[in-house]
C-alpha atoms as a PDB file:
ATOM      1  CA  UNK A   1      83.969 102.915  82.184  1.00  0.00           C
ATOM      2  CA  UNK A   2      82.487 104.120  78.903  1.00  0.00           C
ATOM      3  CA  UNK A   3      80.309 107.154  78.291  1.00  0.00           C
ATOM      4  CA  UNK A   4      78.159 107.891  75.227  1.00  0.00           C
ATOM      5  CA  UNK A   5      79.506 110.571  72.900  1.00  0.00           C
ATOM      6  CA  UNK A   6      76.242 112.468  73.288  1.00  0.00           C
ATOM      7  CA  UNK A   7      76.749 113.284  76.973  1.00  0.00           C
ATOM      8  CA  UNK A   8      76.884 117.053  77.257  1.00  0.00           C
ATOM      9  CA  UNK A   9      79.777 119.079  78.611  1.00  0.00           C
ATOM     10  CA  UNK A  10      77.489 120.808  81.087  1.00  0.00           C
ATOM     11  CA  UNK A  11      76.534 117.504  82.715  1.00  0.00           C
ATOM     12  CA  UNK A  12      80.177 116.498  83.079  1.00  0.00           C
ATOM     13  CA  UNK A  13      81.251 119.830  84.534  1.00  0.00           C
ATOM     14  CA  UNK A  14      78.388 119.702  87.007  1.00  0.00           C
ATOM     15  CA  UNK A  15      79.520 116.242  88.072  1.00  0.00           C
ATOM     16  CA  UNK A  16      83.105 117.377  88.578  1.00  0.00           C
ATOM     17  CA  UNK A  17      82.057 120.499  90.456  1.00  0.00           C
ATOM     18  CA  UNK A  18      79.977 118.443  92.843  1.00  0.00           C
ATOM     19  CA  UNK A  19      83.037 116.226  93.468  1.00  0.00           C
ATOM     20  CA  UNK A  20      81.031 113.090  92.657  1.00  0.00           C
ATOM     21  CA  UNK A  21      83.874 111.761  90.568  1.00  0.00           C
ATOM     22  CA  UNK A  22      83.341 108.452  88.843  1.00  0.00           C
ATOM     23  CA  UNK A  23      85.842 105.630  88.492  1.00  0.00           C
ATOM     24  CA  UNK A  24      87.505 107.618  85.715  1.00  0.00           C
ATOM     25  CA  UNK A  25      89.033 110.041  88.233  1.00  0.00           C
ATOM     26  CA  UNK A  26      92.443 109.462  89.709  1.00  0.00           C
ATOM     27  CA  UNK A  27      93.212 110.420  93.301  1.00  0.00           C
ATOM     28  CA  UNK A  28      95.469 113.394  93.880  1.00  0.00           C
ATOM     29  CA  UNK A  29      97.833 111.235  95.900  1.00  0.00           C
ATOM     30  CA  UNK A  30      98.858 109.101  92.927  1.00  0.00           C
ATOM     31  CA  UNK A  31     101.310 109.686  90.110  1.00  0.00           C
ATOM     32  CA  UNK A  32     100.590 106.316  88.463  1.00  0.00           C
ATOM     33  CA  UNK A  33      97.523 105.137  86.551  1.00  0.00           C
ATOM     34  CA  UNK A  34      97.247 101.499  85.476  1.00  0.00           C
ATOM     35  CA  UNK A  35      94.018 100.355  83.865  1.00  0.00           C
ATOM     36  CA  UNK A  36      94.362  96.862  85.326  1.00  0.00           C
ATOM     37  CA  UNK A  37      94.393  98.408  88.799  1.00  0.00           C
ATOM     38  CA  UNK A  38      92.550 101.722  88.587  1.00  0.00           C
ATOM     39  CA  UNK A  39      89.901 100.839  85.998  1.00  0.00           C
ATOM     40  CA  UNK A  40      89.336 101.543  82.334  1.00  0.00           C
ATOM     41  CA  UNK A  41      90.496 104.914  81.084  1.00  0.00           C
ATOM     42  CA  UNK A  42      87.613 107.000  79.765  1.00  0.00           C
ATOM     43  CA  UNK A  43      86.397 106.328  76.233  1.00  0.00           C
ATOM     44  CA  UNK A  44      84.632 109.706  76.089  1.00  0.00           C
ATOM     45  CA  UNK A  45      86.306 112.929  75.114  1.00  0.00           C
ATOM     46  CA  UNK A  46      83.625 114.784  77.098  1.00  0.00           C
ATOM     47  CA  UNK A  47      84.554 113.121  80.388  1.00  0.00           C
ATOM     48  CA  UNK A  48      88.254 112.243  80.298  1.00  0.00           C
ATOM     49  CA  UNK A  49      90.001 110.465  83.126  1.00  0.00           C
ATOM     50  CA  UNK A  50      91.558 112.981  85.507  1.00  0.00           C
ATOM     51  CA  UNK A  51      95.256 112.422  86.173  1.00  0.00           C
ATOM     52  CA  UNK A  52      97.052 115.189  88.127  1.00  0.00           C
ATOM     53  CA  UNK A  53     100.798 114.874  87.674  1.00  0.00           C
ATOM     54  CA  UNK A  54     103.355 115.136  90.459  1.00  0.00           C
ATOM     55  CA  UNK A  55     107.027 116.020  90.453  1.00  0.00           C
ATOM     56  CA  UNK A  56     109.187 113.210  89.071  1.00  0.00           C
ATOM     57  CA  UNK A  57     108.179 110.398  86.721  1.00  0.00           C
ATOM     58  CA  UNK A  58     104.455 109.765  86.290  1.00  0.00           C
ATOM     59  CA  UNK A  59     103.215 106.609  84.557  1.00  0.00           C
ATOM     60  CA  UNK A  60     100.114 105.943  82.460  1.00  0.00           C
ATOM     61  CA  UNK A  61      99.558 102.300  81.445  1.00  0.00           C
ATOM     62  CA  UNK A  62      96.573 101.267  79.378  1.00  0.00           C
ATOM     63  CA  UNK A  63      95.114  99.189  76.576  1.00  0.00           C
ATOM     64  CA  UNK A  64      93.540 100.155  73.269  1.00  0.00           C
ATOM     65  CA  UNK A  65      92.454  98.634  69.976  1.00  0.00           C
ATOM     66  CA  UNK A  66      89.672  96.015  70.089  1.00  0.00           C
ATOM     67  CA  UNK A  67      86.495  96.393  72.125  1.00  0.00           C
ATOM     68  CA  UNK A  68      83.506  94.115  72.554  1.00  0.00           C
ATOM     69  CA  UNK A  69      81.662  96.004  69.803  1.00  0.00           C
ATOM     70  CA  UNK A  70      82.632  95.373  66.152  1.00  0.00           C
ATOM     71  CA  UNK A  71      84.398  98.306  64.452  1.00  0.00           C
ATOM     72  CA  UNK A  72      84.399 100.317  67.703  1.00  0.00           C
ATOM     73  CA  UNK A  73      87.799 101.437  68.938  1.00  0.00           C
ATOM     74  CA  UNK A  74      88.922 101.502  72.537  1.00  0.00           C
ATOM     75  CA  UNK A  75      89.896 105.164  72.833  1.00  0.00           C
ATOM     76  CA  UNK A  76      91.559 106.618  75.906  1.00  0.00           C
ATOM     77  CA  UNK A  77      90.925 110.236  76.915  1.00  0.00           C
ATOM     78  CA  UNK A  78      92.905 111.660  79.841  1.00  0.00           C
ATOM     79  CA  UNK A  79      93.172 115.097  81.416  1.00  0.00           C
ATOM     80  CA  UNK A  80      96.606 115.763  82.910  1.00  0.00           C
ATOM     81  CA  UNK A  81      97.550 118.686  85.144  1.00  0.00           C
ATOM     82  CA  UNK A  82     101.134 119.930  85.260  1.00  0.00           C
ATOM     83  CA  UNK A  83     101.549 121.536  88.708  1.00  0.00           C
ATOM     84  CA  UNK A  84     102.260 125.231  89.149  1.00  0.00           C
ATOM     85  CA  UNK A  85     105.971 125.989  89.218  1.00  0.00           C
ATOM     86  CA  UNK A  86     106.749 122.906  87.126  1.00  0.00           C
ATOM     87  CA  UNK A  87     107.116 121.832  83.504  1.00  0.00           C
ATOM     88  CA  UNK A  88     106.407 118.623  81.606  1.00  0.00           C
ATOM     89  CA  UNK A  89     109.891 117.832  80.353  1.00  0.00           C
ATOM     90  CA  UNK A  90     109.602 114.334  78.833  1.00  0.00           C
ATOM     91  CA  UNK A  91     106.867 112.049  77.474  1.00  0.00           C
ATOM     92  CA  UNK A  92     108.555 108.685  76.969  1.00  0.00           C
ATOM     93  CA  UNK A  93     107.009 105.564  75.437  1.00  0.00           C
ATOM     94  CA  UNK A  94     108.227 103.145  78.103  1.00  0.00           C
ATOM     95  CA  UNK A  95     106.463 100.003  76.827  1.00  0.00           C
ATOM     96  CA  UNK A  96     104.307  99.173  73.826  1.00  0.00           C
ATOM     97  CA  UNK A  97     102.575  96.239  72.106  1.00  0.00           C
ATOM     98  CA  UNK A  98     100.598  97.278  69.045  1.00  0.00           C
ATOM     99  CA  UNK A  99      99.297  95.845  65.791  1.00  0.00           C
ATOM    100  CA  UNK A 100     100.093  96.724  62.237  1.00  0.00           C
ATOM    101  CA  UNK A 101      97.903  99.816  62.050  1.00  0.00           C
ATOM    102  CA  UNK A 102      98.608 103.326  63.280  1.00  0.00           C
ATOM    103  CA  UNK A 103      98.856 104.234  66.950  1.00  0.00           C
ATOM    104  CA  UNK A 104      98.128 107.861  67.691  1.00  0.00           C
ATOM    105  CA  UNK A 105      98.428 110.346  70.541  1.00  0.00           C
ATOM    106  CA  UNK A 106      97.036 113.863  70.439  1.00  0.00           C
ATOM    107  CA  UNK A 107      97.237 116.690  72.953  1.00  0.00           C
ATOM    108  CA  UNK A 108      95.099 119.783  73.416  1.00  0.00           C
ATOM    109  CA  UNK A 109      95.261 122.705  75.815  1.00  0.00           C
ATOM    110  CA  UNK A 110      92.443 122.545  78.339  1.00  0.00           C
ATOM    111  CA  UNK A 111      90.502 119.706  79.977  1.00  0.00           C
ATOM    112  CA  UNK A 112      89.008 118.145  76.826  1.00  0.00           C
ATOM    113  CA  UNK A 113      89.723 117.063  73.273  1.00  0.00           C
ATOM    114  CA  UNK A 114      87.297 118.949  71.037  1.00  0.00           C
ATOM    115  CA  UNK A 115      88.005 116.953  67.858  1.00  0.00           C
ATOM    116  CA  UNK A 116      85.562 114.071  67.150  1.00  0.00           C
ATOM    117  CA  UNK A 117      87.504 110.846  66.519  1.00  0.00           C
ATOM    118  CA  UNK A 118      85.763 110.117  63.202  1.00  0.00           C
ATOM    119  CA  UNK A 119      86.361 113.583  61.693  1.00  0.00           C
ATOM    120  CA  UNK A 120      89.999 114.281  62.407  1.00  0.00           C
ATOM    121  CA  UNK A 121      90.978 117.935  62.337  1.00  0.00           C
ATOM    122  CA  UNK A 122      94.362 118.675  63.851  1.00  0.00           C
ATOM    123  CA  UNK A 123      94.016 122.477  63.960  1.00  0.00           C
ATOM    124  CA  UNK A 124      92.486 122.641  67.482  1.00  0.00           C
ATOM    125  CA  UNK A 125      95.172 120.319  68.839  1.00  0.00           C
ATOM    126  CA  UNK A 126      98.286 121.554  70.555  1.00  0.00           C
ATOM    127  CA  UNK A 127     100.148 118.679  68.895  1.00  0.00           C
ATOM    128  CA  UNK A 128     100.030 115.011  67.877  1.00  0.00           C
ATOM    129  CA  UNK A 129     102.138 112.141  66.580  1.00  0.00           C
ATOM    130  CA  UNK A 130     101.995 108.504  65.555  1.00  0.00           C
ATOM    131  CA  UNK A 131     103.973 105.953  67.527  1.00  0.00           C
ATOM    132  CA  UNK A 132     104.824 102.285  67.280  1.00  0.00           C
ATOM    133  CA  UNK A 133     107.045  99.491  68.507  1.00  0.00           C
ATOM    134  CA  UNK A 134     110.088 101.212  67.030  1.00  0.00           C
ATOM    135  CA  UNK A 135     109.580 104.213  69.308  1.00  0.00           C
ATOM    136  CA  UNK A 136     110.140 102.278  72.521  1.00  0.00           C
ATOM    137  CA  UNK A 137     112.199 104.410  74.919  1.00  0.00           C
ATOM    138  CA  UNK A 138     111.774 107.529  72.797  1.00  0.00           C
ATOM    139  CA  UNK A 139     110.709 110.909  74.162  1.00  0.00           C
ATOM    140  CA  UNK A 140     107.639 111.702  72.055  1.00  0.00           C
ATOM    141  CA  UNK A 141     107.159 115.265  73.296  1.00  0.00           C
ATOM    142  CA  UNK A 142     109.166 116.947  70.481  1.00  0.00           C
ATOM    143  CA  UNK A 143     107.276 114.895  67.863  1.00  0.00           C
ATOM    144  CA  UNK A 144     103.921 115.778  69.444  1.00  0.00           C
ATOM    145  CA  UNK A 145     104.863 119.459  69.372  1.00  0.00           C
ATOM    146  CA  UNK A 146     105.741 119.190  65.657  1.00  0.00           C
ATOM    147  CA  UNK A 147     102.496 117.463  64.599  1.00  0.00           C
ATOM    148  CA  UNK A 148     101.426 118.733  61.137  1.00  0.00           C
ATOM    149  CA  UNK A 149      98.498 121.139  61.161  1.00  0.00           C
ATOM    150  CA  UNK A 150      98.440 121.498  64.957  1.00  0.00           C
ATOM    151  CA  UNK A 151      99.206 124.639  66.940  1.00  0.00           C
ATOM    152  CA  UNK A 152     102.617 123.264  67.843  1.00  0.00           C
ATOM    153  CA  UNK A 153     104.965 123.853  70.752  1.00  0.00           C
ATOM    154  CA  UNK A 154     108.583 123.482  71.763  1.00  0.00           C
ATOM    155  CA  UNK A 155     109.149 121.367  74.892  1.00  0.00           C
ATOM    156  CA  UNK A 156     109.002 121.594  77.796  1.00  0.00           C
ATOM    157  CA  UNK A 157     105.316 122.257  78.407  1.00  0.00           C
ATOM    158  CA  UNK A 158     104.573 124.825  81.123  1.00  0.00           C
ATOM    159  CA  UNK A 159     102.236 124.258  84.045  1.00  0.00           C
ATOM    160  CA  UNK A 160      98.586 123.942  83.098  1.00  0.00           C
ATOM    161  CA  UNK A 161      95.822 121.546  82.100  1.00  0.00           C
ATOM    162  CA  UNK A 162      96.111 119.383  78.968  1.00  0.00           C
ATOM    163  CA  UNK A 163      93.894 116.726  77.391  1.00  0.00           C
ATOM    164  CA  UNK A 164      95.351 113.525  75.881  1.00  0.00           C
ATOM    165  CA  UNK A 165      93.769 111.382  73.157  1.00  0.00           C
ATOM    166  CA  UNK A 166      95.314 107.910  72.704  1.00  0.00           C
ATOM    167  CA  UNK A 167      94.068 105.427  70.093  1.00  0.00           C
ATOM    168  CA  UNK A 168      95.019 102.413  67.960  1.00  0.00           C
ATOM    169  CA  UNK A 169      93.278 101.892  64.599  1.00  0.00           C
ATOM    170  CA  UNK A 170      93.841  98.150  64.526  1.00  0.00           C
ATOM    171  CA  UNK A 171      90.828  96.528  66.236  1.00  0.00           C
ATOM    172  CA  UNK A 172      91.933  92.941  65.562  1.00  0.00           C
ATOM    173  CA  UNK A 173      93.238  92.584  69.094  1.00  0.00           C
ATOM    174  CA  UNK A 174      93.749  94.342  72.412  1.00  0.00           C
ATOM    175  CA  UNK A 175      97.061  96.172  72.502  1.00  0.00           C
ATOM    176  CA  UNK A 176      98.906  97.938  75.303  1.00  0.00           C
ATOM    177  CA  UNK A 177     101.073 100.963  75.980  1.00  0.00           C
ATOM    178  CA  UNK A 178     102.807 102.712  78.856  1.00  0.00           C
ATOM    179  CA  UNK A 179     103.997 106.317  78.975  1.00  0.00           C
ATOM    180  CA  UNK A 180     106.393 107.900  81.458  1.00  0.00           C
ATOM    181  CA  UNK A 181     105.791 111.606  81.947  1.00  0.00           C
ATOM    182  CA  UNK A 182     108.610 113.492  83.656  1.00  0.00           C
ATOM    183  CA  UNK A 183     107.620 116.621  85.576  1.00  0.00           C
ATOM    184  CA  UNK A 184     110.460 118.910  86.611  1.00  0.00           C
ATOM    185  CA  UNK A 185     110.080 121.465  89.382  1.00  0.00           C
ATOM    186  CA  UNK A 186     111.390 124.869  88.321  1.00  0.00           C
ATOM    187  CA  UNK A 187     114.239 126.042  90.550  1.00  0.00           C
ATOM    188  CA  UNK A 188     114.288 129.178  92.640  1.00  0.00           C
ATOM    189  CA  UNK A 189     117.330 131.047  93.876  1.00  0.00           C
ATOM    190  CA  UNK A 190     117.599 130.403  97.594  1.00  0.00           C
ATOM    191  CA  UNK A 191     120.695 132.537  98.143  1.00  0.00           C
ATOM    192  CA  UNK A 192     121.505 135.622  96.093  1.00  0.00           C
ATOM    193  CA  UNK A 193     125.098 136.820  95.634  1.00  0.00           C
ATOM    194  CA  UNK A 194     126.033 139.650  98.018  1.00  0.00           C
ATOM    195  CA  UNK A 195     127.990 142.863  97.537  1.00  0.00           C
ATOM    196  CA  UNK A 196     131.646 142.665  98.604  1.00  0.00           C
ATOM    197  CA  UNK A 197     134.562 145.077  99.105  1.00  0.00           C
ATOM    198  CA  UNK A 198     137.522 144.702  96.792  1.00  0.00           C
ATOM    199  CA  UNK A 199     140.869 144.105  98.461  1.00  0.00           C
ATOM    200  CA  UNK A 200     143.928 143.049  96.505  1.00  0.00           C
ATOM    201  CA  UNK A 201     145.049 140.758  99.312  1.00  0.00           C
ATOM    202  CA  UNK A 202     141.745 138.899  99.560  1.00  0.00           C
ATOM    203  CA  UNK A 203     140.040 136.814  96.817  1.00  0.00           C
ATOM    204  CA  UNK A 204     136.595 137.983  95.704  1.00  0.00           C
ATOM    205  CA  UNK A 205     134.016 135.288  96.373  1.00  0.00           C
ATOM    206  CA  UNK A 206     130.443 135.455  95.052  1.00  0.00           C
ATOM    207  CA  UNK A 207     128.046 132.586  95.656  1.00  0.00           C
ATOM    208  CA  UNK A 208     124.551 131.510  94.656  1.00  0.00           C
ATOM    209  CA  UNK A 209     122.421 128.628  95.936  1.00  0.00           C
ATOM    210  CA  UNK A 210     119.506 126.772  94.373  1.00  0.00           C
ATOM    211  CA  UNK A 211     117.688 123.541  95.220  1.00  0.00           C
ATOM    212  CA  UNK A 212     117.719 122.033  91.716  1.00  0.00           C
ATOM    213  CA  UNK A 213     120.277 120.752  89.232  1.00  0.00           C
ATOM    214  CA  UNK A 214     121.023 123.617  86.870  1.00  0.00           C
ATOM    215  CA  UNK A 215     123.830 125.021  84.758  1.00  0.00           C
ATOM    216  CA  UNK A 216     125.503 128.262  85.821  1.00  0.00           C
ATOM    217  CA  UNK A 217     127.093 131.146  83.949  1.00  0.00           C
ATOM    218  CA  UNK A 218     128.510 134.169  85.752  1.00  0.00           C
ATOM    219  CA  UNK A 219     128.477 137.505  83.928  1.00  0.00           C
ATOM    220  CA  UNK A 220     130.111 140.875  84.567  1.00  0.00           C
ATOM    221  CA  UNK A 221     128.820 144.381  83.810  1.00  0.00           C
ATOM    222  CA  UNK A 222     131.678 146.809  83.328  1.00  0.00           C
ATOM    223  CA  UNK A 223     129.699 149.052  80.974  1.00  0.00           C
ATOM    224  CA  UNK A 224     126.144 149.911  82.079  1.00  0.00           C
ATOM    225  CA  UNK A 225     123.652 147.597  80.383  1.00  0.00           C
ATOM    226  CA  UNK A 226     126.264 145.303  78.838  1.00  0.00           C
ATOM    227  CA  UNK A 227     126.717 141.909  80.497  1.00  0.00           C
ATOM    228  CA  UNK A 228     129.615 139.722  79.393  1.00  0.00           C
ATOM    229  CA  UNK A 229     129.986 136.013  80.198  1.00  0.00           C
ATOM    230  CA  UNK A 230     133.046 135.195  82.283  1.00  0.00           C
ATOM    231  CA  UNK A 231     135.419 132.321  81.611  1.00  0.00           C
ATOM    232  CA  UNK A 232     137.987 130.692  83.854  1.00  0.00           C
ATOM    233  CA  UNK A 233     141.604 131.778  83.614  1.00  0.00           C
ATOM    234  CA  UNK A 234     143.889 134.815  83.690  1.00  0.00           C
ATOM    235  CA  UNK A 235     142.324 138.211  82.976  1.00  0.00           C
ATOM    236  CA  UNK A 236     143.929 141.172  81.207  1.00  0.00           C
ATOM    237  CA  UNK A 237     144.408 142.929  84.569  1.00  0.00           C
ATOM    238  CA  UNK A 238     146.242 139.946  86.090  1.00  0.00           C
ATOM    239  CA  UNK A 239     143.466 138.532  88.253  1.00  0.00           C
ATOM    240  CA  UNK A 240     142.405 134.881  87.912  1.00  0.00           C
ATOM    241  CA  UNK A 241     138.798 133.724  87.426  1.00  0.00           C
ATOM    242  CA  UNK A 242     137.687 130.417  88.929  1.00  0.00           C
ATOM    243  CA  UNK A 243     134.163 128.934  88.864  1.00  0.00           C
ATOM    244  CA  UNK A 244     132.723 130.962  85.973  1.00  0.00           C
ATOM    245  CA  UNK A 245     130.227 128.119  85.372  1.00  0.00           C
ATOM    246  CA  UNK A 246     129.818 127.001  88.973  1.00  0.00           C
ATOM    247  CA  UNK A 247     127.655 128.143  91.913  1.00  0.00           C
ATOM    248  CA  UNK A 248     130.653 129.927  93.494  1.00  0.00           C
ATOM    249  CA  UNK A 249     132.712 132.474  91.565  1.00  0.00           C
ATOM    250  CA  UNK A 250     136.200 133.274  92.860  1.00  0.00           C
ATOM    251  CA  UNK A 251     138.510 136.032  91.620  1.00  0.00           C
ATOM    252  CA  UNK A 252     142.080 135.619  92.807  1.00  0.00           C
ATOM    253  CA  UNK A 253     144.538 138.547  93.042  1.00  0.00           C
ATOM    254  CA  UNK A 254     141.832 141.093  92.230  1.00  0.00           C
ATOM    255  CA  UNK A 255     142.578 144.653  91.182  1.00  0.00           C
ATOM    256  CA  UNK A 256     140.568 147.810  90.667  1.00  0.00           C
ATOM    257  CA  UNK A 257     139.645 146.507  87.207  1.00  0.00           C
ATOM    258  CA  UNK A 258     137.548 143.797  88.872  1.00  0.00           C
ATOM    259  CA  UNK A 259     135.329 146.336  90.627  1.00  0.00           C
ATOM    260  CA  UNK A 260     132.043 145.867  88.761  1.00  0.00           C
ATOM    261  CA  UNK A 261     128.604 144.274  88.962  1.00  0.00           C
ATOM    262  CA  UNK A 262     128.301 140.496  88.694  1.00  0.00           C
ATOM    263  CA  UNK A 263     125.326 138.190  88.240  1.00  0.00           C
ATOM    264  CA  UNK A 264     124.663 134.516  87.558  1.00  0.00           C
ATOM    265  CA  UNK A 265     122.369 133.097  84.868  1.00  0.00           C
ATOM    266  CA  UNK A 266     120.874 129.693  85.701  1.00  0.00           C
ATOM    267  CA  UNK A 267     119.589 127.463  82.897  1.00  0.00           C
ATOM    268  CA  UNK A 268     117.142 124.608  83.489  1.00  0.00           C
ATOM    269  CA  UNK A 269     114.367 122.770  81.686  1.00  0.00           C
ATOM    270  CA  UNK A 270     112.129 125.660  82.739  1.00  0.00           C
ATOM    271  CA  UNK A 271     114.289 128.217  80.942  1.00  0.00           C
ATOM    272  CA  UNK A 272     116.682 130.850  82.283  1.00  0.00           C
ATOM    273  CA  UNK A 273     116.711 132.454  85.711  1.00  0.00           C
ATOM    274  CA  UNK A 274     118.935 135.424  86.520  1.00  0.00           C
ATOM    275  CA  UNK A 275     120.220 136.327  89.965  1.00  0.00           C
ATOM    276  CA  UNK A 276     120.258 139.778  91.472  1.00  0.00           C
ATOM    277  CA  UNK A 277     123.448 141.670  90.642  1.00  0.00           C
ATOM    278  CA  UNK A 278     126.168 141.822  93.267  1.00  0.00           C
ATOM    279  CA  UNK A 279     128.571 144.763  93.244  1.00  0.00           C
ATOM    280  CA  UNK A 280     132.273 144.456  93.943  1.00  0.00           C
ATOM    281  CA  UNK A 281     133.085 147.816  95.513  1.00  0.00           C
ATOM    282  CA  UNK A 282     136.555 149.282  95.196  1.00  0.00           C
ATOM    283  CA  UNK A 283     137.487 151.148  98.399  1.00  0.00           C
ATOM    284  CA  UNK A 284     141.223 151.927  98.421  1.00  0.00           C
ATOM    285  CA  UNK A 285     140.850 153.681 101.799  1.00  0.00           C
ATOM    286  CA  UNK A 286     140.118 150.296 103.431  1.00  0.00           C
ATOM    287  CA  UNK A 287     143.820 149.502 103.498  1.00  0.00           C
ATOM    288  CA  UNK A 288     143.610 146.630 105.983  1.00  0.00           C
ATOM    289  CA  UNK A 289     140.633 145.002 104.193  1.00  0.00           C
ATOM    290  CA  UNK A 290     138.392 144.816 107.271  1.00  0.00           C
ATOM    291  CA  UNK A 291     135.387 146.181 105.300  1.00  0.00           C
ATOM    292  CA  UNK A 292     135.472 149.613 106.985  1.00  0.00           C
ATOM    293  CA  UNK A 293     137.592 152.702 106.370  1.00  0.00           C
ATOM    294  CA  UNK A 294     138.723 154.193 109.686  1.00  0.00           C
ATOM    295  CA  UNK A 295     141.754 155.350 111.643  1.00  0.00           C
ATOM    296  CA  UNK A 296     143.106 151.801 111.787  1.00  0.00           C
ATOM    297  CA  UNK A 297     143.602 151.921 108.024  1.00  0.00           C
ATOM    298  CA  UNK A 298     145.528 155.197 108.367  1.00  0.00           C
ATOM    299  CA  UNK A 299     147.904 153.863 111.004  1.00  0.00           C
ATOM    300  CA  UNK A 300     148.324 150.536 109.178  1.00  0.00           C
ATOM    301  CA  UNK A 301     149.296 152.387 106.013  1.00  0.00           C
ATOM    302  CA  UNK A 302     151.741 154.656 107.870  1.00  0.00           C
ATOM    303  CA  UNK A 303     153.398 151.560 109.320  1.00  0.00           C
ATOM    304  CA  UNK A 304     153.637 149.900 105.895  1.00  0.00           C
ATOM    305  CA  UNK A 305     154.913 153.122 104.340  1.00  0.00           C
ATOM    306  CA  UNK A 306     157.789 153.624 106.764  1.00  0.00           C
ATOM    307  CA  UNK A 307     158.616 149.914 106.551  1.00  0.00           C
ATOM    308  CA  UNK A 308     158.750 150.391 102.765  1.00  0.00           C
ATOM    309  CA  UNK A 309     156.457 147.403 102.437  1.00  0.00           C
ATOM    310  CA  UNK A 310     155.390 146.601  98.859  1.00  0.00           C
ATOM    311  CA  UNK A 311     151.791 146.983 100.050  1.00  0.00           C
ATOM    312  CA  UNK A 312     152.496 150.715 100.576  1.00  0.00           C
ATOM    313  CA  UNK A 313     152.995 151.157  96.798  1.00  0.00           C
ATOM    314  CA  UNK A 314     149.555 152.691  96.671  1.00  0.00           C
ATOM    315  CA  UNK A 315     149.726 153.946  93.085  1.00  0.00           C
ATOM    316  CA  UNK A 316     151.310 150.706  91.825  1.00  0.00           C
ATOM    317  CA  UNK A 317     154.206 152.474  90.105  1.00  0.00           C
ATOM    318  CA  UNK A 318     156.735 149.911  91.323  1.00  0.00           C
ATOM    319  CA  UNK A 319     158.225 151.910  94.188  1.00  0.00           C
ATOM    320  CA  UNK A 320     157.214 153.333  97.565  1.00  0.00           C
ATOM    321  CA  UNK A 321     157.523 157.128  97.662  1.00  0.00           C
ATOM    322  CA  UNK A 322     155.883 160.323  98.820  1.00  0.00           C
ATOM    323  CA  UNK A 323     153.375 160.201  95.967  1.00  0.00           C
ATOM    324  CA  UNK A 324     151.975 156.933  97.373  1.00  0.00           C
ATOM    325  CA  UNK A 325     151.491 158.658 100.735  1.00  0.00           C
ATOM    326  CA  UNK A 326     149.637 161.602  99.182  1.00  0.00           C
ATOM    327  CA  UNK A 327     147.532 159.280  97.008  1.00  0.00           C
ATOM    328  CA  UNK A 328     146.549 157.244 100.054  1.00  0.00           C
ATOM    329  CA  UNK A 329     145.608 160.406 101.976  1.00  0.00           C
ATOM    330  CA  UNK A 330     143.377 161.523  99.101  1.00  0.00           C
ATOM    331  CA  UNK A 331     141.614 158.168  99.065  1.00  0.00           C
ATOM    332  CA  UNK A 332     141.362 158.024 102.844  1.00  0.00           C
ATOM    333  CA  UNK A 333     139.672 161.386 103.174  1.00  0.00           C
ATOM    334  CA  UNK A 334     137.418 160.603 100.186  1.00  0.00           C
ATOM    335  CA  UNK A 335     136.138 157.558 102.116  1.00  0.00           C
ATOM    336  CA  UNK A 336     134.161 154.680 100.646  1.00  0.00           C
END
């Protein structure tokens, strides 16, 4: 359906508000628009076709170039909506058949393109680019964001409303295109890491859970305000780090040096997301590692001490002696 350029914005907004959408509107339930099926994409920048995107790959397939009127181009104007909590990650030219002239796509923030097609001014646009047969399979979003004279952006595009302007200057024939727009849902942390007690006999395990594919990087804060990325392998204190870039971090053979705050930084197409910090608490009085310091710890240590068990070497000086006993008593009465 075609609309005259002179139609006013107020008339269009009134039509949309009243929900009397014309054939240029696309139903909310669809993530695919094909002109051969859904009707001609709007030729008016004042009343673009409405196309709300959904999570996953959305497809726009249309024609442009020649019309039934000499020297009049078949322009396509579309308003896309990137859902809240999502980003537009890719804008791929999935099929194309064009002439020898220039094919063009422009993008502007908001529901409409404000630039008249016969007086091109790129400054109001968010971005633009030319495309052709050689761009088949290419993600055009970076090129659109780098369009000369436009506002510019770095992909991905955040949630919001954007207007598209698609045109082909060659009117000798009817040409076709198809774009695949990938919308990625931004992840949330479903399970935060929890505080744990340090015990040399028990590995430290910290875990995070999210519903999306992301990359992980665990960090440690040994000095207030300074977070350092962990890496797998042997530490200076003799403990062993496993899963520094995985959802579950494990510290084998931990020591008092591993008592610190830990967090995980998740990286996705939406950017970075940081977990709550989890604290590894050093409680030497919890001798039996049952997460509480009580009389059972006292009696368990006395037993280990008189058995001269290596675990009774409380001060880690290489031998079991009276100083270990006094050091344990000091820790026991200090509590956790």
